[in-house]
Amino acid sequence: TPTCGPCLGGHMGILAKGERAVATTNRNFV
């Protein structure tokens, strides 16, 4: 369902230590 969750590391797609993601989102800060 629509959500901003993964874009800001909020929920539904959190990355673990050392993982890499390709994302169509707009920010890739630390």
All heavy atoms as atom14 arrays in JSON, in Angstrom:
{
  "sequence": "TPTCGPCLGGHMGILAKGERAVATTNRNFV",
  "atom14_mask": [
    [1, 1, 1, 1, 1, 1, 1, 0, 0, 0, 0, 0, 0, 0],
    [1, 1, 1, 1, 1, 1, 1, 0, 0, 0, 0, 0, 0, 0],
    [1, 1, 1, 1, 1, 1, 1, 0, 0, 0, 0, 0, 0, 0],
    [1, 1, 1, 1, 1, 1, 0, 0, 0, 0, 0, 0, 0, 0],
    [1, 1, 1, 1, 0, 0, 0, 0, 0, 0, 0, 0, 0, 0],
    [1, 1, 1, 1, 1, 1, 1, 0, 0, 0, 0, 0, 0, 0],
    [1, 1, 1, 1, 1, 1, 0, 0, 0, 0, 0, 0, 0, 0],
    [1, 1, 1, 1, 1, 1, 1, 1, 0, 0, 0, 0, 0, 0],
    [1, 1, 1, 1, 0, 0, 0, 0, 0, 0, 0, 0, 0, 0],
    [1, 1, 1, 1, 0, 0, 0, 0, 0, 0, 0, 0, 0, 0],
    [1, 1, 1, 1, 1, 1, 1, 1, 1, 1, 0, 0, 0, 0],
    [1, 1, 1, 1, 1, 1, 1, 1, 0, 0, 0, 0, 0, 0],
    [1, 1, 1, 1, 0, 0, 0, 0, 0, 0, 0, 0, 0, 0],
    [1, 1, 1, 1, 1, 1, 1, 1, 0, 0, 0, 0, 0, 0],
    [1, 1, 1, 1, 1, 1, 1, 1, 0, 0, 0, 0, 0, 0],
    [1, 1, 1, 1, 1, 0, 0, 0, 0, 0, 0, 0, 0, 0],
    [1, 1, 1, 1, 1, 1, 1, 1, 1, 0, 0, 0, 0, 0],
    [1, 1, 1, 1, 0, 0, 0, 0, 0, 0, 0, 0, 0, 0],
    [1, 1, 1, 1, 1, 1, 1, 1, 1, 0, 0, 0, 0, 0],
    [1, 1, 1, 1, 1, 1, 1, 1, 1, 1, 1, 0, 0, 0],
    [1, 1, 1, 1, 1, 0, 0, 0, 0, 0, 0, 0, 0, 0],
    [1, 1, 1, 1, 1, 1, 1, 0, 0, 0, 0, 0, 0, 0],
    [1, 1, 1, 1, 1, 0, 0, 0, 0, 0, 0, 0, 0, 0],
    [1, 1, 1, 1, 1, 1, 1, 0, 0, 0, 0, 0, 0, 0],
    [1, 1, 1, 1, 1, 1, 1, 0, 0, 0, 0, 0, 0, 0],
    [1, 1, 1, 1, 1, 1, 1, 1, 0, 0, 0, 0, 0, 0],
    [1, 1, 1, 1, 1, 1, 1, 1, 1, 1, 1, 0, 0, 0],
    [1, 1, 1, 1, 1, 1, 1, 1, 0, 0, 0, 0, 0, 0],
    [1, 1, 1, 1, 1, 1, 1, 1, 1, 1, 1, 0, 0, 0],
    [1, 1, 1, 1, 1, 1, 1, 0, 0, 0, 0, 0, 0, 0]
  ],
  "atom14_positions": [
    [[0.85, -1.19, 0.0], [0.0, 0.0, 0.0], [0.89, 1.24, 0.0], [2.05, 1.18, 0.43], [-0.91, 0.0, 1.24], [-1.83, 1.07, 1.15], [-0.11, 0.17, 2.52], [0.0, 0.0, 0.0], [0.0, 0.0, 0.0], [0.0, 0.0, 0.0], [0.0, 0.0, 0.0], [0.0, 0.0, 0.0], [0.0, 0.0, 0.0], [0.0, 0.0, 0.0]],
    [[0.4, 2.38, -0.48], [1.22, 3.59, -0.5], [1.75, 3.97, 0.87], [1.01, 3.98, 1.85], [0.25, 4.66, -1.02], [-0.75, 3.91, -1.82], [-0.92, 2.6, -1.11], [0.0, 0.0, 0.0], [0.0, 0.0, 0.0], [0.0, 0.0, 0.0], [0.0, 0.0, 0.0], [0.0, 0.0, 0.0], [0.0, 0.0, 0.0], [0.0, 0.0, 0.0]],
    [[3.03, 4.26, 0.95], [3.66, 4.72, 2.19], [5.04, 5.28, 1.87], [5.66, 4.89, 0.89], [3.8, 3.58, 3.22], [4.44, 4.09, 4.4], [4.62, 2.44, 2.69], [0.0, 0.0, 0.0], [0.0, 0.0, 0.0], [0.0, 0.0, 0.0], [0.0, 0.0, 0.0], [0.0, 0.0, 0.0], [0.0, 0.0, 0.0], [0.0, 0.0, 0.0]],
    [[5.49, 6.2, 2.72], [6.84, 6.74, 2.61], [7.84, 5.89, 3.39], [9.04, 6.18, 3.36], [6.89, 8.16, 3.17], [5.8, 9.34, 2.35], [0.0, 0.0, 0.0], [0.0, 0.0, 0.0], [0.0, 0.0, 0.0], [0.0, 0.0, 0.0], [0.0, 0.0, 0.0], [0.0, 0.0, 0.0], [0.0, 0.0, 0.0], [0.0, 0.0, 0.0]],
    [[7.36, 4.88, 4.08], [8.14, 4.13, 5.04], [9.58, 3.84, 4.7], [10.5, 4.23, 5.43], [0.0, 0.0, 0.0], [0.0, 0.0, 0.0], [0.0, 0.0, 0.0], [0.0, 0.0, 0.0], [0.0, 0.0, 0.0], [0.0, 0.0, 0.0], [0.0, 0.0, 0.0], [0.0, 0.0, 0.0], [0.0, 0.0, 0.0], [0.0, 0.0, 0.0]],
    [[9.86, 3.12, 3.59], [11.24, 2.74, 3.32], [12.14, 3.9, 2.92], [13.35, 3.86, 3.13], [11.11, 1.73, 2.18], [9.85, 2.09, 1.5], [8.93, 2.58, 2.59], [0.0, 0.0, 0.0], [0.0, 0.0, 0.0], [0.0, 0.0, 0.0], [0.0, 0.0, 0.0], [0.0, 0.0, 0.0], [0.0, 0.0, 0.0], [0.0, 0.0, 0.0]],
    [[11.56, 4.94, 2.33], [12.36, 6.06, 1.82], [13.18, 6.71, 2.92], [14.35, 7.05, 2.73], [11.46, 7.08, 1.15], [12.3, 8.55, 0.55], [0.0, 0.0, 0.0], [0.0, 0.0, 0.0], [0.0, 0.0, 0.0], [0.0, 0.0, 0.0], [0.0, 0.0, 0.0], [0.0, 0.0, 0.0], [0.0, 0.0, 0.0], [0.0, 0.0, 0.0]],
    [[12.57, 6.9, 4.09], [13.24, 7.58, 5.19], [13.71, 6.6, 6.26], [14.05, 7.01, 7.37], [12.33, 8.63, 5.82], [11.14, 8.15, 6.64], [10.75, 9.2, 7.66], [9.96, 7.82, 5.75], [0.0, 0.0, 0.0], [0.0, 0.0, 0.0], [0.0, 0.0, 0.0], [0.0, 0.0, 0.0], [0.0, 0.0, 0.0], [0.0, 0.0, 0.0]],
    [[13.75, 5.31, 5.93], [14.17, 4.34, 6.94], [13.19, 4.21, 8.07], [13.55, 3.94, 9.21], [0.0, 0.0, 0.0], [0.0, 0.0, 0.0], [0.0, 0.0, 0.0], [0.0, 0.0, 0.0], [0.0, 0.0, 0.0], [0.0, 0.0, 0.0], [0.0, 0.0, 0.0], [0.0, 0.0, 0.0], [0.0, 0.0, 0.0], [0.0, 0.0, 0.0]],
    [[11.91, 4.44, 7.77], [10.88, 4.4, 8.81], [10.37, 3.01, 9.1], [10.33, 2.57, 10.25], [0.0, 0.0, 0.0], [0.0, 0.0, 0.0], [0.0, 0.0, 0.0], [0.0, 0.0, 0.0], [0.0, 0.0, 0.0], [0.0, 0.0, 0.0], [0.0, 0.0, 0.0], [0.0, 0.0, 0.0], [0.0, 0.0, 0.0], [0.0, 0.0, 0.0]],
    [[9.97, 2.31, 8.05], [9.52, 0.92, 8.19], [9.35, 0.32, 6.8], [9.49, 1.0, 5.78], [8.22, 0.83, 9.0], [6.99, 1.36, 8.31], [5.76, 0.78, 8.44], [6.81, 2.42, 7.5], [4.87, 1.46, 7.74], [5.48, 2.47, 7.15], [0.0, 0.0, 0.0], [0.0, 0.0, 0.0], [0.0, 0.0, 0.0], [0.0, 0.0, 0.0]],
    [[9.09, -0.98, 6.78], [8.81, -1.71, 5.53], [9.96, -1.62, 4.53], [9.78, -1.21, 3.39], [7.5, -1.21, 4.9], [6.3, -1.43, 5.8], [4.75, -0.82, 5.11], [4.45, -2.07, 3.87], [0.0, 0.0, 0.0], [0.0, 0.0, 0.0], [0.0, 0.0, 0.0], [0.0, 0.0, 0.0], [0.0, 0.0, 0.0], [0.0, 0.0, 0.0]],
    [[11.14, -2.01, 4.97], [12.28, -2.02, 4.06], [13.56, -1.49, 4.68], [14.41, -0.94, 3.97], [0.0, 0.0, 0.0], [0.0, 0.0, 0.0], [0.0, 0.0, 0.0], [0.0, 0.0, 0.0], [0.0, 0.0, 0.0], [0.0, 0.0, 0.0], [0.0, 0.0, 0.0], [0.0, 0.0, 0.0], [0.0, 0.0, 0.0], [0.0, 0.0, 0.0]],
    [[13.73, -1.64, 5.97], [14.91, -1.14, 6.67], [16.13, -1.96, 6.28], [16.08, -3.19, 6.2], [14.71, -1.21, 8.2], [13.41, -0.52, 8.61], [15.89, -0.59, 8.93], [13.33, 0.92, 8.22], [0.0, 0.0, 0.0], [0.0, 0.0, 0.0], [0.0, 0.0, 0.0], [0.0, 0.0, 0.0], [0.0, 0.0, 0.0], [0.0, 0.0, 0.0]],
    [[17.24, -1.27, 6.06], [18.49, -1.94, 5.7], [19.32, -2.27, 6.94], [19.4, -1.48, 7.88], [19.32, -1.05, 4.78], [18.73, -0.71, 3.42], [19.66, 0.23, 2.66], [18.48, -1.97, 2.61], [0.0, 0.0, 0.0], [0.0, 0.0, 0.0], [0.0, 0.0, 0.0], [0.0, 0.0, 0.0], [0.0, 0.0, 0.0], [0.0, 0.0, 0.0]],
    [[19.94, -3.44, 6.93], [20.83, -3.86, 8.01], [22.25, -3.36, 7.74], [22.54, -2.83, 6.65], [20.83, -5.38, 8.12], [0.0, 0.0, 0.0], [0.0, 0.0, 0.0], [0.0, 0.0, 0.0], [0.0, 0.0, 0.0], [0.0, 0.0, 0.0], [0.0, 0.0, 0.0], [0.0, 0.0, 0.0], [0.0, 0.0, 0.0], [0.0, 0.0, 0.0]],
    [[23.11, -3.53, 8.68], [24.51, -3.11, 8.56], [25.15, -3.77, 7.33], [25.02, -4.97, 7.12], [25.27, -3.49, 9.81], [26.75, -3.1, 9.79], [27.42, -3.5, 11.1], [28.9, -3.12, 11.08], [29.57, -3.48, 12.37], [0.0, 0.0, 0.0], [0.0, 0.0, 0.0], [0.0, 0.0, 0.0], [0.0, 0.0, 0.0], [0.0, 0.0, 0.0]],
    [[25.8, -2.96, 6.5], [26.52, -3.47, 5.35], [25.67, -3.74, 4.12], [26.21, -4.09, 3.07], [0.0, 0.0, 0.0], [0.0, 0.0, 0.0], [0.0, 0.0, 0.0], [0.0, 0.0, 0.0], [0.0, 0.0, 0.0], [0.0, 0.0, 0.0], [0.0, 0.0, 0.0], [0.0, 0.0, 0.0], [0.0, 0.0, 0.0], [0.0, 0.0, 0.0]],
    [[24.36, -3.57, 4.21], [23.5, -3.84, 3.06], [23.44, -2.65, 2.11], [23.59, -1.5, 2.52], [22.09, -4.21, 3.52], [22.01, -5.57, 4.18], [20.59, -6.04, 4.39], [19.73, -5.22, 4.79], [20.34, -7.24, 4.16], [0.0, 0.0, 0.0], [0.0, 0.0, 0.0], [0.0, 0.0, 0.0], [0.0, 0.0, 0.0], [0.0, 0.0, 0.0]],
    [[23.21, -2.96, 0.85], [23.1, -1.93, -0.19], [21.72, -2.03, -0.86], [21.24, -3.13, -1.11], [24.17, -2.1, -1.26], [25.6, -2.0, -0.77], [26.54, -1.99, -1.98], [27.94, -2.08, -1.56], [28.64, -3.2, -1.59], [28.08, -4.33, -2.02], [29.89, -3.21, -1.21], [0.0, 0.0, 0.0], [0.0, 0.0, 0.0], [0.0, 0.0, 0.0]],
    [[21.16, -0.87, -1.16], [19.88, -0.83, -1.86], [19.98, 0.06, -3.08], [20.67, 1.09, -3.06], [18.77, -0.32, -0.95], [0.0, 0.0, 0.0], [0.0, 0.0, 0.0], [0.0, 0.0, 0.0], [0.0, 0.0, 0.0], [0.0, 0.0, 0.0], [0.0, 0.0, 0.0], [0.0, 0.0, 0.0], [0.0, 0.0, 0.0], [0.0, 0.0, 0.0]],
    [[19.3, -0.33, -4.14], [19.03, 0.57, -5.26], [17.6, 1.06, -5.07], [16.68, 0.25, -4.93], [19.17, -0.14, -6.61], [18.67, 0.77, -7.74], [20.62, -0.51, -6.87], [0.0, 0.0, 0.0], [0.0, 0.0, 0.0], [0.0, 0.0, 0.0], [0.0, 0.0, 0.0], [0.0, 0.0, 0.0], [0.0, 0.0, 0.0], [0.0, 0.0, 0.0]],
    [[17.41, 2.36, -5.03], [16.08, 2.91, -4.73], [15.74, 4.03, -5.69], [16.61, 4.82, -6.1], [16.03, 3.43, -3.29], [0.0, 0.0, 0.0], [0.0, 0.0, 0.0], [0.0, 0.0, 0.0], [0.0, 0.0, 0.0], [0.0, 0.0, 0.0], [0.0, 0.0, 0.0], [0.0, 0.0, 0.0], [0.0, 0.0, 0.0], [0.0, 0.0, 0.0]],
    [[14.47, 4.13, -6.04], [13.99, 5.22, -6.88], [13.57, 6.41, -6.03], [12.86, 7.3, -6.5], [12.81, 4.77, -7.76], [11.69, 4.48, -6.92], [13.17, 3.54, -8.58], [0.0, 0.0, 0.0], [0.0, 0.0, 0.0], [0.0, 0.0, 0.0], [0.0, 0.0, 0.0], [0.0, 0.0, 0.0], [0.0, 0.0, 0.0], [0.0, 0.0, 0.0]],
    [[14.0, 6.43, -4.78], [13.67, 7.52, -3.86], [14.56, 8.72, -4.15], [15.24, 8.78, -5.18], [13.81, 7.02, -2.42], [15.13, 6.46, -2.24], [12.8, 5.95, -2.12], [0.0, 0.0, 0.0], [0.0, 0.0, 0.0], [0.0, 0.0, 0.0], [0.0, 0.0, 0.0], [0.0, 0.0, 0.0], [0.0, 0.0, 0.0], [0.0, 0.0, 0.0]],
    [[14.59, 9.7, -3.26], [15.26, 10.96, -3.59], [16.47, 11.3, -2.74], [17.14, 12.29, -3.01], [14.25, 12.12, -3.53], [13.31, 12.0, -2.35], [13.71, 11.65, -1.25], [12.03, 12.29, -2.58], [0.0, 0.0, 0.0], [0.0, 0.0, 0.0], [0.0, 0.0, 0.0], [0.0, 0.0, 0.0], [0.0, 0.0, 0.0], [0.0, 0.0, 0.0]],
    [[16.75, 10.5, -1.71], [17.89, 10.82, -0.84], [18.67, 9.56, -0.5], [18.09, 8.49, -0.33], [17.41, 11.5, 0.45], [16.96, 12.91, 0.21], [16.53, 13.64, 1.45], [16.26, 15.03, 1.12], [15.48, 15.84, 1.81], [14.9, 15.41, 2.91], [15.3, 17.09, 1.44], [0.0, 0.0, 0.0], [0.0, 0.0, 0.0], [0.0, 0.0, 0.0]],
    [[19.98, 9.73, -0.38], [20.83, 8.59, -0.05], [21.86, 8.96, 1.0], [23.0, 8.5, 0.96], [21.51, 8.05, -1.32], [22.39, 9.08, -2.02], [22.32, 10.28, -1.72], [23.22, 8.63, -2.93], [0.0, 0.0, 0.0], [0.0, 0.0, 0.0], [0.0, 0.0, 0.0], [0.0, 0.0, 0.0], [0.0, 0.0, 0.0], [0.0, 0.0, 0.0]],
    [[21.44, 9.81, 1.96], [22.33, 10.23, 3.03], [22.72, 9.04, 3.91], [22.1, 7.98, 3.85], [21.66, 11.31, 3.89], [21.13, 12.48, 3.12], [20.03, 13.18, 3.59], [21.71, 12.89, 1.93], [19.53, 14.27, 2.89], [21.21, 13.97, 1.21], [20.12, 14.66, 1.7], [0.0, 0.0, 0.0], [0.0, 0.0, 0.0], [0.0, 0.0, 0.0]],
    [[23.72, 9.24, 4.75], [24.15, 8.2, 5.68], [22.97, 7.77, 6.55], [22.29, 8.59, 7.17], [25.29, 8.71, 6.59], [25.62, 7.68, 7.66], [26.54, 9.01, 5.75], [0.0, 0.0, 0.0], [0.0, 0.0, 0.0], [0.0, 0.0, 0.0], [0.0, 0.0, 0.0], [0.0, 0.0, 0.0], [0.0, 0.0, 0.0], [0.0, 0.0, 0.0]]
  ]
}
